[in-house]
């Protein structure tokens, strides 16, 4: 009973201090768990699905991206495969495959941890669609964890594009992720992106992350 009373009094004091500006309120960030997916260029899309093929939108995502209805099969260097891997649109200048480390082990590949778009020297992988197949000599990565935010969010959080921060999770297992990259753009909605391995490792679920500098 006494311990509960102390906690209640402490909560009220902290709330009062936050209201006065003496204590900074925690900067919470929504979490989005990103599953394995593929980005395709026009040439590769047509090889996999046919000449003149256009992706069909399934769900809108931030920054003008969307999850397509179409999926492909990933085939690793040891002919191990993962089926029904979602394509994200719109088309890109270069094709790219993003997987979690567990996926990489299953496929028999060893992709580097990279920012999206940085595929130079990354792992080779094959993709199979309903009309054909392609082999990427490089293009498979594990996406570096990051936070999308608008310029207004960045100002509120006191961060800038390209900065790295820490994020704490008060989840089932709890913990801190370091080296989290900030990405700022007018088209972005505030959200941290982690992969399935990272989410499972800290039992993140629907927990909000707390940004630490």
N, C-alpha and C. Protein backbone atom coordinates (compact mmCIF):
# COMPACT_ATOMS: atom_id res chain seq x y z
N UNK A 1 0.83 -1.20 0.00
CA UNK A 1 0.00 0.00 0.00
C UNK A 1 0.87 1.25 0.00
N UNK A 2 1.89 1.26 0.85
CA UNK A 2 2.78 2.41 0.93
C UNK A 2 3.56 2.59 -0.37
N UNK A 3 4.04 1.47 -0.97
CA UNK A 3 4.78 1.54 -2.23
C UNK A 3 3.91 2.11 -3.34
N UNK A 4 2.64 1.72 -3.35
CA UNK A 4 1.72 2.23 -4.37
C UNK A 4 1.51 3.73 -4.20
N UNK A 5 1.44 4.18 -2.95
CA UNK A 5 1.26 5.60 -2.67
C UNK A 5 2.47 6.40 -3.13
N UNK A 6 3.68 5.86 -2.89
CA UNK A 6 4.91 6.53 -3.31
C UNK A 6 4.95 6.65 -4.83
N UNK A 7 4.58 5.59 -5.54
CA UNK A 7 4.58 5.63 -7.00
C UNK A 7 3.60 6.67 -7.53
N UNK A 8 2.44 6.75 -6.88
CA UNK A 8 1.43 7.71 -7.31
C UNK A 8 1.91 9.14 -7.11
N UNK A 9 2.53 9.41 -5.95
CA UNK A 9 3.05 10.75 -5.66
C UNK A 9 4.17 11.10 -6.63
N UNK A 10 5.05 10.13 -6.93
CA UNK A 10 6.16 10.36 -7.86
C UNK A 10 5.63 10.70 -9.24
N UNK A 11 4.61 9.97 -9.69
CA UNK A 11 4.02 10.22 -11.01
C UNK A 11 3.44 11.63 -11.09
N UNK A 12 2.80 12.06 -10.01
CA UNK A 12 2.19 13.40 -10.01
C UNK A 12 3.27 14.49 -10.04
N UNK A 13 4.35 14.27 -9.30
CA UNK A 13 5.44 15.24 -9.27
C UNK A 13 6.10 15.37 -10.64
N UNK A 14 6.38 14.21 -11.28
CA UNK A 14 7.00 14.21 -12.61
C UNK A 14 6.09 14.90 -13.61
N UNK A 15 4.79 14.62 -13.54
CA UNK A 15 3.83 15.25 -14.46
C UNK A 15 3.82 16.76 -14.26
N UNK A 16 3.90 17.20 -13.01
CA UNK A 16 3.91 18.64 -12.73
C UNK A 16 5.18 19.29 -13.25
N UNK A 17 6.31 18.62 -13.09
CA UNK A 17 7.57 19.16 -13.58
C UNK A 17 7.61 19.22 -15.10
N UNK A 18 7.03 18.21 -15.73
CA UNK A 18 6.96 18.22 -17.19
C UNK A 18 6.10 19.37 -17.68
N UNK A 19 5.03 19.63 -16.96
CA UNK A 19 4.17 20.75 -17.32
C UNK A 19 4.85 22.09 -17.17
N UNK A 20 5.79 22.17 -16.24
CA UNK A 20 6.52 23.42 -16.03
C UNK A 20 7.72 23.55 -16.94
N UNK A 21 8.05 22.46 -17.67
CA UNK A 21 9.19 22.49 -18.57
C UNK A 21 10.50 22.13 -17.89
N UNK A 22 10.48 21.79 -16.61
CA UNK A 22 11.71 21.45 -15.89
C UNK A 22 12.19 20.04 -16.22
N UNK A 23 11.28 19.15 -16.60
CA UNK A 23 11.63 17.79 -17.00
C UNK A 23 11.07 17.56 -18.40
N UNK A 24 11.90 17.07 -19.29
CA UNK A 24 11.48 16.84 -20.66
C UNK A 24 10.65 15.57 -20.77
N UNK A 25 9.49 15.66 -21.41
CA UNK A 25 8.65 14.49 -21.61
C UNK A 25 9.32 13.52 -22.56
N UNK A 26 9.13 12.21 -22.36
CA UNK A 26 9.73 11.22 -23.27
C UNK A 26 9.26 11.42 -24.70
N UNK A 27 10.18 11.31 -25.65
CA UNK A 27 9.85 11.48 -27.06
C UNK A 27 9.56 10.11 -27.64
N UNK A 28 8.29 9.80 -27.77
CA UNK A 28 7.87 8.46 -28.19
C UNK A 28 7.70 8.36 -29.69
N UNK A 29 8.10 7.22 -30.23
CA UNK A 29 8.07 7.00 -31.68
C UNK A 29 7.27 5.74 -31.99
N UNK A 30 6.26 5.82 -32.86
CA UNK A 30 5.54 4.61 -33.27
C UNK A 30 6.49 3.65 -34.00
N UNK A 31 6.23 2.36 -33.85
CA UNK A 31 7.09 1.35 -34.44
C UNK A 31 6.37 0.63 -35.58
N UNK A 32 7.08 0.48 -36.71
CA UNK A 32 6.58 -0.30 -37.83
C UNK A 32 7.53 -1.45 -38.10
N UNK A 33 7.01 -2.66 -38.11
CA UNK A 33 7.84 -3.84 -38.34
C UNK A 33 7.82 -4.17 -39.84
N UNK A 34 8.98 -4.12 -40.45
CA UNK A 34 9.10 -4.31 -41.89
C UNK A 34 9.49 -5.74 -42.22
N UNK A 35 8.62 -6.45 -42.90
CA UNK A 35 8.91 -7.83 -43.32
C UNK A 35 9.74 -7.81 -44.60
N UNK A 36 10.30 -8.95 -44.97
CA UNK A 36 11.06 -9.08 -46.22
C UNK A 36 10.26 -8.54 -47.39
N UNK A 37 10.93 -7.86 -48.31
CA UNK A 37 10.23 -7.31 -49.47
C UNK A 37 11.21 -7.00 -50.60
N UNK A 38 10.66 -6.65 -51.76
CA UNK A 38 11.44 -6.44 -52.97
C UNK A 38 11.06 -5.12 -53.63
N UNK A 39 12.06 -4.40 -54.15
CA UNK A 39 11.85 -3.25 -55.03
C UNK A 39 12.37 -3.63 -56.42
N UNK A 40 11.63 -3.28 -57.47
CA UNK A 40 12.02 -3.68 -58.82
C UNK A 40 12.16 -2.48 -59.76
N UNK A 41 13.10 -2.61 -60.68
CA UNK A 41 13.20 -1.65 -61.78
C UNK A 41 12.28 -2.13 -62.90
N UNK A 42 12.03 -1.27 -63.88
CA UNK A 42 11.14 -1.60 -64.99
C UNK A 42 11.58 -2.84 -65.75
N UNK A 43 12.88 -2.93 -66.07
CA UNK A 43 13.39 -4.07 -66.84
C UNK A 43 13.11 -5.39 -66.12
N UNK A 44 13.40 -5.44 -64.84
CA UNK A 44 13.23 -6.69 -64.09
C UNK A 44 11.75 -7.00 -63.87
N UNK A 45 10.93 -5.97 -63.69
CA UNK A 45 9.49 -6.20 -63.54
C UNK A 45 8.92 -6.88 -64.78
N UNK A 46 9.36 -6.43 -65.95
CA UNK A 46 8.85 -7.01 -67.19
C UNK A 46 9.36 -8.43 -67.42
N UNK A 47 10.59 -8.72 -66.97
CA UNK A 47 11.10 -10.09 -67.08
C UNK A 47 10.29 -11.03 -66.20
N UNK A 48 9.97 -10.57 -65.00
CA UNK A 48 9.28 -11.42 -64.03
C UNK A 48 7.79 -11.56 -64.32
N UNK A 49 7.15 -10.49 -64.86
CA UNK A 49 5.70 -10.50 -65.00
C UNK A 49 5.19 -10.29 -66.44
N UNK A 50 6.10 -9.94 -67.34
CA UNK A 50 5.66 -9.77 -68.72
C UNK A 50 5.80 -8.34 -69.23
N UNK A 51 5.93 -8.19 -70.52
CA UNK A 51 6.12 -6.90 -71.17
C UNK A 51 4.96 -5.95 -70.87
N UNK A 52 5.32 -4.74 -70.44
CA UNK A 52 4.32 -3.72 -70.18
C UNK A 52 3.54 -3.89 -68.89
N UNK A 53 3.94 -4.83 -68.06
CA UNK A 53 3.19 -5.12 -66.83
C UNK A 53 3.25 -3.94 -65.86
N UNK A 54 2.13 -3.68 -65.17
CA UNK A 54 2.05 -2.64 -64.16
C UNK A 54 1.66 -3.25 -62.82
N UNK A 55 2.32 -2.81 -61.76
CA UNK A 55 2.01 -3.30 -60.43
C UNK A 55 0.61 -2.86 -60.00
N UNK A 56 -0.06 -3.72 -59.26
CA UNK A 56 -1.39 -3.43 -58.74
C UNK A 56 -1.30 -3.10 -57.25
N UNK A 57 -1.81 -1.95 -56.89
CA UNK A 57 -1.68 -1.47 -55.51
C UNK A 57 -2.57 -2.26 -54.56
N UNK A 58 -1.97 -2.68 -53.46
CA UNK A 58 -2.69 -3.38 -52.40
C UNK A 58 -2.93 -2.45 -51.20
N UNK A 59 -1.87 -1.66 -50.85
CA UNK A 59 -1.97 -0.79 -49.68
C UNK A 59 -1.00 0.37 -49.83
N UNK A 60 -1.46 1.58 -49.53
CA UNK A 60 -0.60 2.75 -49.57
C UNK A 60 0.34 2.76 -48.38
N UNK A 61 1.59 3.17 -48.63
CA UNK A 61 2.59 3.33 -47.58
C UNK A 61 3.06 4.78 -47.59
N UNK A 62 3.94 5.15 -46.67
CA UNK A 62 4.39 6.53 -46.60
C UNK A 62 5.34 6.87 -47.75
N UNK A 63 5.50 8.16 -47.99
CA UNK A 63 6.46 8.61 -48.98
C UNK A 63 6.10 8.25 -50.40
N UNK A 64 4.82 8.02 -50.67
CA UNK A 64 4.40 7.68 -52.02
C UNK A 64 4.61 6.23 -52.40
N UNK A 65 5.09 5.42 -51.47
CA UNK A 65 5.28 3.99 -51.75
C UNK A 65 3.97 3.23 -51.52
N UNK A 66 3.92 2.00 -52.02
CA UNK A 66 2.76 1.16 -51.79
C UNK A 66 3.16 -0.31 -51.82
N UNK A 67 2.41 -1.10 -51.08
CA UNK A 67 2.57 -2.55 -51.14
C UNK A 67 1.75 -3.04 -52.32
N UNK A 68 2.38 -3.78 -53.22
CA UNK A 68 1.70 -4.30 -54.40
C UNK A 68 1.04 -5.64 -54.10
N UNK A 69 0.11 -6.00 -54.93
CA UNK A 69 -0.53 -7.32 -54.79
C UNK A 69 0.43 -8.42 -55.22
N UNK A 70 1.39 -8.07 -56.09
CA UNK A 70 2.29 -9.07 -56.65
C UNK A 70 3.38 -9.50 -55.66
N UNK A 71 3.74 -10.77 -55.75
CA UNK A 71 4.81 -11.35 -54.94
C UNK A 71 5.75 -12.15 -55.85
N UNK A 72 6.95 -12.42 -55.35
CA UNK A 72 7.92 -13.24 -56.07
C UNK A 72 8.51 -14.26 -55.11
N UNK A 73 9.28 -15.16 -55.67
CA UNK A 73 10.02 -16.14 -54.87
C UNK A 73 11.50 -15.76 -54.87
N UNK A 74 12.11 -15.75 -53.68
CA UNK A 74 13.54 -15.50 -53.55
C UNK A 74 14.27 -16.83 -53.53
N UNK A 75 15.38 -16.90 -54.26
CA UNK A 75 16.19 -18.12 -54.28
C UNK A 75 17.62 -17.74 -53.95
N UNK A 76 18.15 -18.37 -52.90
CA UNK A 76 19.51 -18.08 -52.47
C UNK A 76 20.56 -18.85 -53.23
N UNK A 77 21.81 -18.66 -52.84
CA UNK A 77 22.93 -19.27 -53.56
C UNK A 77 22.98 -20.79 -53.42
N UNK A 78 22.31 -21.33 -52.41
CA UNK A 78 22.28 -22.78 -52.22
C UNK A 78 20.94 -23.36 -52.67
N UNK A 79 20.24 -22.60 -53.53
CA UNK A 79 18.95 -23.01 -54.09
C UNK A 79 17.89 -23.19 -53.01
N UNK A 80 18.06 -22.47 -51.90
CA UNK A 80 17.02 -22.44 -50.87
C UNK A 80 16.09 -21.28 -51.20
N UNK A 81 14.79 -21.47 -51.01
CA UNK A 81 13.83 -20.47 -51.48
C UNK A 81 12.89 -19.99 -50.38
N UNK A 82 12.40 -18.76 -50.55
CA UNK A 82 11.31 -18.20 -49.75
C UNK A 82 10.26 -17.68 -50.72
N UNK A 83 9.06 -18.21 -50.61
CA UNK A 83 7.99 -17.84 -51.53
C UNK A 83 7.17 -16.66 -51.02
N UNK A 84 6.37 -16.09 -51.91
CA UNK A 84 5.39 -15.04 -51.58
C UNK A 84 6.01 -13.83 -50.89
N UNK A 85 7.07 -13.32 -51.48
CA UNK A 85 7.72 -12.12 -50.95
C UNK A 85 7.14 -10.90 -51.66
N UNK A 86 6.60 -9.98 -50.88
CA UNK A 86 5.86 -8.83 -51.41
C UNK A 86 6.75 -7.85 -52.18
N UNK A 87 6.22 -7.33 -53.28
CA UNK A 87 6.88 -6.25 -54.02
C UNK A 87 6.33 -4.92 -53.54
N UNK A 88 7.21 -3.94 -53.35
CA UNK A 88 6.80 -2.58 -53.00
C UNK A 88 7.01 -1.67 -54.21
N UNK A 89 6.01 -0.86 -54.50
CA UNK A 89 6.12 0.10 -55.59
C UNK A 89 6.28 1.51 -55.06
N UNK A 90 6.52 2.48 -55.93
CA UNK A 90 6.61 2.34 -57.39
C UNK A 90 7.96 1.74 -57.81
N UNK A 91 8.14 1.62 -59.11
CA UNK A 91 9.39 1.06 -59.63
C UNK A 91 10.58 1.94 -59.24
N UNK A 92 11.75 1.32 -59.15
CA UNK A 92 12.98 2.04 -58.82
C UNK A 92 13.98 1.95 -59.97
N UNK A 93 15.03 2.73 -59.88
CA UNK A 93 16.07 2.69 -60.90
C UNK A 93 16.84 1.37 -60.85
N UNK A 94 16.97 0.80 -59.66
CA UNK A 94 17.69 -0.46 -59.49
C UNK A 94 16.90 -1.37 -58.57
N UNK A 95 16.92 -2.66 -58.87
CA UNK A 95 16.19 -3.63 -58.04
C UNK A 95 16.94 -3.89 -56.73
N UNK A 96 16.17 -4.18 -55.70
CA UNK A 96 16.74 -4.38 -54.36
C UNK A 96 15.88 -5.35 -53.58
N UNK A 97 16.53 -6.21 -52.80
CA UNK A 97 15.83 -7.16 -51.94
C UNK A 97 16.23 -6.89 -50.49
N UNK A 98 15.23 -6.75 -49.62
CA UNK A 98 15.49 -6.51 -48.20
C UNK A 98 14.97 -7.68 -47.38
N UNK A 99 15.86 -8.28 -46.61
CA UNK A 99 15.49 -9.45 -45.79
C UNK A 99 16.00 -9.25 -44.37
N UNK A 100 15.48 -10.04 -43.45
CA UNK A 100 16.01 -10.10 -42.09
C UNK A 100 17.16 -11.11 -42.07
N UNK A 101 17.97 -11.07 -41.04
CA UNK A 101 19.11 -11.98 -40.95
C UNK A 101 18.67 -13.43 -40.92
N UNK A 102 17.55 -13.70 -40.27
CA UNK A 102 17.02 -15.07 -40.24
C UNK A 102 16.67 -15.55 -41.65
N UNK A 103 16.07 -14.66 -42.45
CA UNK A 103 15.78 -14.99 -43.84
C UNK A 103 17.06 -15.30 -44.60
N UNK A 104 18.10 -14.48 -44.36
CA UNK A 104 19.38 -14.66 -45.05
C UNK A 104 19.98 -16.03 -44.76
N UNK A 105 19.91 -16.44 -43.51
CA UNK A 105 20.43 -17.75 -43.13
C UNK A 105 19.66 -18.85 -43.84
N UNK A 106 18.36 -18.70 -43.90
CA UNK A 106 17.50 -19.68 -44.58
C UNK A 106 17.84 -19.76 -46.07
N UNK A 107 18.15 -18.60 -46.67
CA UNK A 107 18.45 -18.56 -48.11
C UNK A 107 19.89 -18.94 -48.42
N UNK A 108 20.76 -18.92 -47.41
CA UNK A 108 22.16 -19.23 -47.63
C UNK A 108 22.95 -18.07 -48.20
N UNK A 109 22.51 -16.82 -47.88
CA UNK A 109 23.23 -15.63 -48.34
C UNK A 109 23.71 -14.85 -47.12
N UNK A 110 24.61 -13.89 -47.36
CA UNK A 110 25.17 -13.12 -46.26
C UNK A 110 25.14 -11.62 -46.58
N UNK A 111 23.94 -11.03 -46.57
CA UNK A 111 23.81 -9.62 -46.96
C UNK A 111 24.34 -8.67 -45.89
N UNK A 112 24.89 -7.54 -46.31
CA UNK A 112 25.36 -6.53 -45.36
C UNK A 112 24.20 -5.71 -44.82
N UNK A 113 24.41 -5.06 -43.68
CA UNK A 113 23.42 -4.13 -43.13
C UNK A 113 23.64 -2.78 -43.80
N UNK A 114 22.64 -2.32 -44.54
CA UNK A 114 22.79 -1.11 -45.35
C UNK A 114 21.54 -0.23 -45.28
N UNK A 115 21.74 1.04 -45.59
CA UNK A 115 20.63 1.94 -45.82
C UNK A 115 20.01 1.57 -47.17
N UNK A 116 18.69 1.66 -47.26
CA UNK A 116 18.00 1.33 -48.50
C UNK A 116 18.58 2.13 -49.66
N UNK A 117 18.83 1.43 -50.78
CA UNK A 117 19.40 2.06 -51.95
C UNK A 117 20.89 1.87 -52.08
N UNK A 118 21.55 1.52 -50.99
CA UNK A 118 23.00 1.31 -51.00
C UNK A 118 23.27 -0.19 -51.17
N UNK A 119 23.30 -0.63 -52.42
CA UNK A 119 23.42 -2.07 -52.68
C UNK A 119 24.78 -2.46 -53.29
N UNK A 120 25.66 -1.51 -53.48
CA UNK A 120 26.93 -1.83 -54.12
C UNK A 120 27.73 -2.83 -53.28
N UNK A 121 28.11 -3.93 -53.92
CA UNK A 121 28.87 -4.96 -53.21
C UNK A 121 28.05 -5.82 -52.27
N UNK A 122 26.71 -5.71 -52.36
CA UNK A 122 25.86 -6.52 -51.48
C UNK A 122 25.68 -7.93 -52.05
N UNK A 123 24.88 -8.73 -51.39
CA UNK A 123 24.78 -10.16 -51.72
C UNK A 123 24.02 -10.43 -53.01
N UNK A 124 24.43 -11.45 -53.74
CA UNK A 124 23.66 -11.88 -54.92
C UNK A 124 22.43 -12.67 -54.50
N UNK A 125 21.43 -12.64 -55.38
CA UNK A 125 20.19 -13.38 -55.10
C UNK A 125 19.41 -13.51 -56.39
N UNK A 126 18.56 -14.54 -56.49
CA UNK A 126 17.71 -14.74 -57.66
C UNK A 126 16.25 -14.52 -57.28
N UNK A 127 15.47 -14.01 -58.24
CA UNK A 127 14.05 -13.78 -58.05
C UNK A 127 13.28 -14.51 -59.15
N UNK A 128 12.20 -15.16 -58.78
CA UNK A 128 11.39 -15.92 -59.73
C UNK A 128 9.96 -15.39 -59.71
N UNK A 129 9.47 -15.03 -60.90
CA UNK A 129 8.09 -14.57 -61.04
C UNK A 129 7.31 -15.50 -61.94
N UNK A 130 6.06 -15.17 -62.24
CA UNK A 130 5.21 -16.05 -63.07
C UNK A 130 5.65 -16.15 -64.53
N UNK A 131 6.42 -15.16 -65.02
CA UNK A 131 6.82 -15.15 -66.43
C UNK A 131 8.31 -15.37 -66.66
N UNK A 132 9.11 -15.32 -65.61
CA UNK A 132 10.55 -15.46 -65.79
C UNK A 132 11.31 -15.33 -64.49
N UNK A 133 12.63 -15.29 -64.61
CA UNK A 133 13.49 -15.20 -63.42
C UNK A 133 14.65 -14.26 -63.71
N UNK A 134 15.20 -13.65 -62.67
CA UNK A 134 16.37 -12.78 -62.80
C UNK A 134 17.38 -13.16 -61.73
N UNK A 135 18.64 -12.88 -62.03
CA UNK A 135 19.71 -13.10 -61.06
C UNK A 135 20.40 -11.76 -60.81
N UNK A 136 20.39 -11.32 -59.57
CA UNK A 136 21.06 -10.08 -59.19
C UNK A 136 22.45 -10.42 -58.66
N UNK A 137 23.48 -9.91 -59.30
CA UNK A 137 24.84 -10.14 -58.81
C UNK A 137 25.08 -9.41 -57.50
N UNK A 138 24.33 -8.34 -57.27
CA UNK A 138 24.32 -7.64 -56.00
C UNK A 138 22.93 -7.01 -55.84
N UNK A 139 22.50 -6.81 -54.61
CA UNK A 139 21.18 -6.22 -54.43
C UNK A 139 20.44 -6.67 -53.19
N UNK A 140 20.95 -7.68 -52.48
CA UNK A 140 20.28 -8.17 -51.28
C UNK A 140 20.94 -7.58 -50.04
N UNK A 141 20.14 -6.91 -49.20
CA UNK A 141 20.65 -6.28 -47.99
C UNK A 141 19.75 -6.59 -46.79
N UNK A 142 20.31 -6.37 -45.60
CA UNK A 142 19.51 -6.27 -44.37
C UNK A 142 19.38 -4.77 -44.11
N UNK A 143 18.16 -4.26 -44.07
CA UNK A 143 17.96 -2.81 -43.96
C UNK A 143 18.40 -2.30 -42.59
N UNK A 144 19.14 -1.21 -42.60
CA UNK A 144 19.56 -0.56 -41.36
C UNK A 144 18.35 0.06 -40.69
N UNK A 145 18.20 -0.16 -39.40
CA UNK A 145 17.03 0.40 -38.70
C UNK A 145 17.07 1.93 -38.75
N UNK A 146 15.89 2.52 -38.86
CA UNK A 146 15.81 3.95 -39.09
C UNK A 146 14.48 4.50 -38.63
N UNK A 147 14.40 5.83 -38.54
CA UNK A 147 13.16 6.52 -38.17
C UNK A 147 12.81 7.51 -39.27
N UNK A 148 11.63 7.36 -39.83
CA UNK A 148 11.10 8.34 -40.77
C UNK A 148 10.43 9.46 -39.99
N UNK A 149 10.65 10.70 -40.39
CA UNK A 149 9.94 11.82 -39.78
C UNK A 149 9.90 13.01 -40.71
N UNK A 150 8.92 13.87 -40.49
CA UNK A 150 8.78 15.10 -41.25
C UNK A 150 9.73 16.16 -40.67
N UNK A 151 9.98 17.26 -41.40
CA UNK A 151 10.80 18.34 -40.85
C UNK A 151 10.24 18.87 -39.52
N UNK A 152 8.91 18.92 -39.40
CA UNK A 152 8.30 19.40 -38.15
C UNK A 152 8.60 18.44 -37.00
N UNK A 153 8.53 17.12 -37.28
CA UNK A 153 8.89 16.13 -36.26
C UNK A 153 10.35 16.27 -35.85
N UNK A 154 11.21 16.44 -36.85
CA UNK A 154 12.65 16.56 -36.57
C UNK A 154 12.93 17.76 -35.67
N UNK A 155 12.25 18.86 -35.93
CA UNK A 155 12.42 20.05 -35.11
C UNK A 155 11.95 19.81 -33.68
N UNK A 156 10.82 19.13 -33.55
CA UNK A 156 10.28 18.83 -32.23
C UNK A 156 11.20 17.89 -31.45
N UNK A 157 11.80 16.93 -32.16
CA UNK A 157 12.66 15.96 -31.50
C UNK A 157 14.09 16.47 -31.34
N UNK A 158 14.41 17.58 -32.03
CA UNK A 158 15.76 18.14 -31.92
C UNK A 158 16.80 17.31 -32.63
N UNK A 159 16.44 16.75 -33.81
CA UNK A 159 17.37 15.92 -34.58
C UNK A 159 17.41 16.41 -36.02
N UNK A 160 18.37 15.91 -36.80
CA UNK A 160 18.49 16.29 -38.21
C UNK A 160 18.64 15.04 -39.08
N UNK A 161 18.39 15.22 -40.37
CA UNK A 161 18.49 14.12 -41.32
C UNK A 161 19.89 13.52 -41.31
N UNK A 162 19.98 12.19 -41.23
CA UNK A 162 21.25 11.50 -41.24
C UNK A 162 21.85 11.26 -39.87
N UNK A 163 21.31 11.91 -38.85
CA UNK A 163 21.82 11.73 -37.49
C UNK A 163 21.49 10.32 -37.00
N UNK A 164 22.31 9.79 -36.11
CA UNK A 164 22.02 8.50 -35.48
C UNK A 164 21.68 8.71 -34.02
N UNK A 165 20.70 7.95 -33.55
CA UNK A 165 20.21 8.07 -32.18
C UNK A 165 20.05 6.69 -31.56
N UNK A 166 19.62 6.66 -30.31
CA UNK A 166 19.27 5.41 -29.64
C UNK A 166 17.77 5.41 -29.37
N UNK A 167 17.18 4.23 -29.33
CA UNK A 167 15.76 4.10 -29.03
C UNK A 167 15.57 3.01 -27.97
N UNK A 168 14.87 3.36 -26.89
CA UNK A 168 14.62 2.41 -25.81
C UNK A 168 13.22 1.82 -25.93
N UNK A 169 13.11 0.53 -25.63
CA UNK A 169 11.82 -0.16 -25.67
C UNK A 169 11.48 -0.68 -24.28
N UNK A 170 10.36 -0.25 -23.75
CA UNK A 170 9.86 -0.79 -22.48
C UNK A 170 8.86 -1.89 -22.81
N UNK A 171 9.38 -2.93 -23.46
CA UNK A 171 8.52 -4.01 -23.94
C UNK A 171 8.68 -5.24 -23.05
N UNK A 172 8.21 -6.39 -23.56
CA UNK A 172 8.28 -7.62 -22.78
C UNK A 172 9.69 -7.95 -22.34
N UNK A 173 10.66 -7.78 -23.23
CA UNK A 173 12.06 -8.05 -22.91
C UNK A 173 12.84 -6.77 -22.67
N UNK A 174 12.40 -5.70 -23.27
CA UNK A 174 13.06 -4.41 -23.07
C UNK A 174 14.45 -4.37 -23.67
N UNK A 175 14.98 -3.16 -23.82
CA UNK A 175 16.32 -3.01 -24.36
C UNK A 175 16.46 -1.72 -25.13
N UNK A 176 17.66 -1.48 -25.63
CA UNK A 176 17.96 -0.27 -26.39
C UNK A 176 18.59 -0.63 -27.73
N UNK A 177 18.07 -0.04 -28.80
CA UNK A 177 18.69 -0.16 -30.11
C UNK A 177 19.55 1.07 -30.35
N UNK A 178 20.82 0.84 -30.68
CA UNK A 178 21.73 1.94 -31.00
C UNK A 178 21.85 2.09 -32.51
N UNK A 179 22.53 3.14 -32.94
CA UNK A 179 22.82 3.37 -34.36
C UNK A 179 21.54 3.36 -35.20
N UNK A 180 20.54 4.08 -34.73
CA UNK A 180 19.27 4.23 -35.46
C UNK A 180 19.34 5.51 -36.29
N UNK A 181 19.19 5.40 -37.58
CA UNK A 181 19.36 6.55 -38.47
C UNK A 181 18.08 7.35 -38.62
N UNK A 182 18.22 8.68 -38.58
CA UNK A 182 17.09 9.58 -38.79
C UNK A 182 16.98 9.90 -40.28
N UNK A 183 15.76 9.79 -40.82
CA UNK A 183 15.50 10.16 -42.21
C UNK A 183 14.37 11.18 -42.22
N UNK A 184 14.64 12.34 -42.77
CA UNK A 184 13.68 13.45 -42.75
C UNK A 184 13.23 13.79 -44.17
N UNK A 185 11.92 13.87 -44.35
CA UNK A 185 11.37 14.26 -45.65
C UNK A 185 9.93 14.75 -45.43
N UNK A 186 9.50 15.70 -46.26
CA UNK A 186 8.15 16.25 -46.14
C UNK A 186 7.07 15.18 -46.29
N UNK A 187 7.39 14.13 -47.04
CA UNK A 187 6.38 13.09 -47.32
C UNK A 187 6.32 12.02 -46.24
N UNK A 188 7.21 12.09 -45.24
CA UNK A 188 7.28 11.02 -44.24
C UNK A 188 6.32 11.25 -43.08
N UNK A 189 5.80 10.14 -42.57
CA UNK A 189 5.03 10.11 -41.33
C UNK A 189 5.91 9.53 -40.24
N UNK A 190 5.81 10.05 -39.03
CA UNK A 190 6.67 9.61 -37.94
C UNK A 190 6.50 8.11 -37.67
N UNK A 191 7.59 7.36 -37.89
CA UNK A 191 7.57 5.92 -37.64
C UNK A 191 8.98 5.36 -37.70
N UNK A 192 9.30 4.50 -36.75
CA UNK A 192 10.58 3.77 -36.77
C UNK A 192 10.38 2.44 -37.46
N UNK A 193 11.30 2.09 -38.36
CA UNK A 193 11.22 0.82 -39.07
C UNK A 193 12.31 -0.13 -38.58
N UNK A 194 11.88 -1.29 -38.12
CA UNK A 194 12.78 -2.36 -37.72
C UNK A 194 12.33 -3.62 -38.44
N UNK A 195 13.21 -4.62 -38.53
CA UNK A 195 12.80 -5.84 -39.22
C UNK A 195 12.23 -6.85 -38.23
N UNK A 196 11.79 -7.98 -38.74
CA UNK A 196 11.10 -8.97 -37.91
C UNK A 196 12.02 -9.57 -36.85
N UNK A 197 13.29 -9.74 -37.17
CA UNK A 197 14.23 -10.27 -36.17
C UNK A 197 14.36 -9.31 -34.99
N UNK A 198 14.49 -8.02 -35.29
CA UNK A 198 14.64 -7.02 -34.24
C UNK A 198 13.38 -6.93 -33.38
N UNK A 199 12.23 -6.99 -34.02
CA UNK A 199 10.96 -6.92 -33.28
C UNK A 199 10.79 -8.13 -32.37
N UNK A 200 11.11 -9.31 -32.89
CA UNK A 200 10.98 -10.52 -32.08
C UNK A 200 12.00 -10.57 -30.96
N UNK A 201 13.21 -10.04 -31.23
CA UNK A 201 14.28 -10.09 -30.22
C UNK A 201 13.93 -9.32 -28.96
N UNK A 202 13.22 -8.20 -29.10
CA UNK A 202 12.85 -7.39 -27.94
C UNK A 202 11.36 -7.49 -27.62
N UNK A 203 10.66 -8.40 -28.31
CA UNK A 203 9.23 -8.58 -28.08
C UNK A 203 8.52 -7.24 -28.19
N UNK A 204 8.80 -6.54 -29.29
CA UNK A 204 8.32 -5.17 -29.44
C UNK A 204 6.80 -5.10 -29.58
N UNK A 205 6.22 -5.88 -30.47
CA UNK A 205 4.78 -5.83 -30.67
C UNK A 205 4.33 -4.44 -31.06
N UNK A 206 3.36 -3.88 -30.33
CA UNK A 206 2.83 -2.55 -30.61
C UNK A 206 3.41 -1.50 -29.66
N UNK A 207 4.52 -1.81 -29.01
CA UNK A 207 5.15 -0.89 -28.08
C UNK A 207 5.68 0.34 -28.81
N UNK A 208 5.59 1.50 -28.14
CA UNK A 208 6.18 2.73 -28.66
C UNK A 208 7.64 2.78 -28.22
N UNK A 209 8.53 3.26 -29.10
CA UNK A 209 9.91 3.45 -28.72
C UNK A 209 10.14 4.83 -28.14
N UNK A 210 11.12 4.96 -27.27
CA UNK A 210 11.46 6.26 -26.68
C UNK A 210 12.79 6.67 -27.23
N UNK A 211 12.84 7.79 -27.95
CA UNK A 211 14.05 8.26 -28.60
C UNK A 211 15.01 8.85 -27.59
N UNK A 212 16.26 8.39 -27.65
CA UNK A 212 17.33 8.90 -26.79
C UNK A 212 18.44 9.43 -27.70
N UNK A 213 19.03 10.55 -27.37
CA UNK A 213 20.12 11.09 -28.19
C UNK A 213 21.45 10.54 -27.70
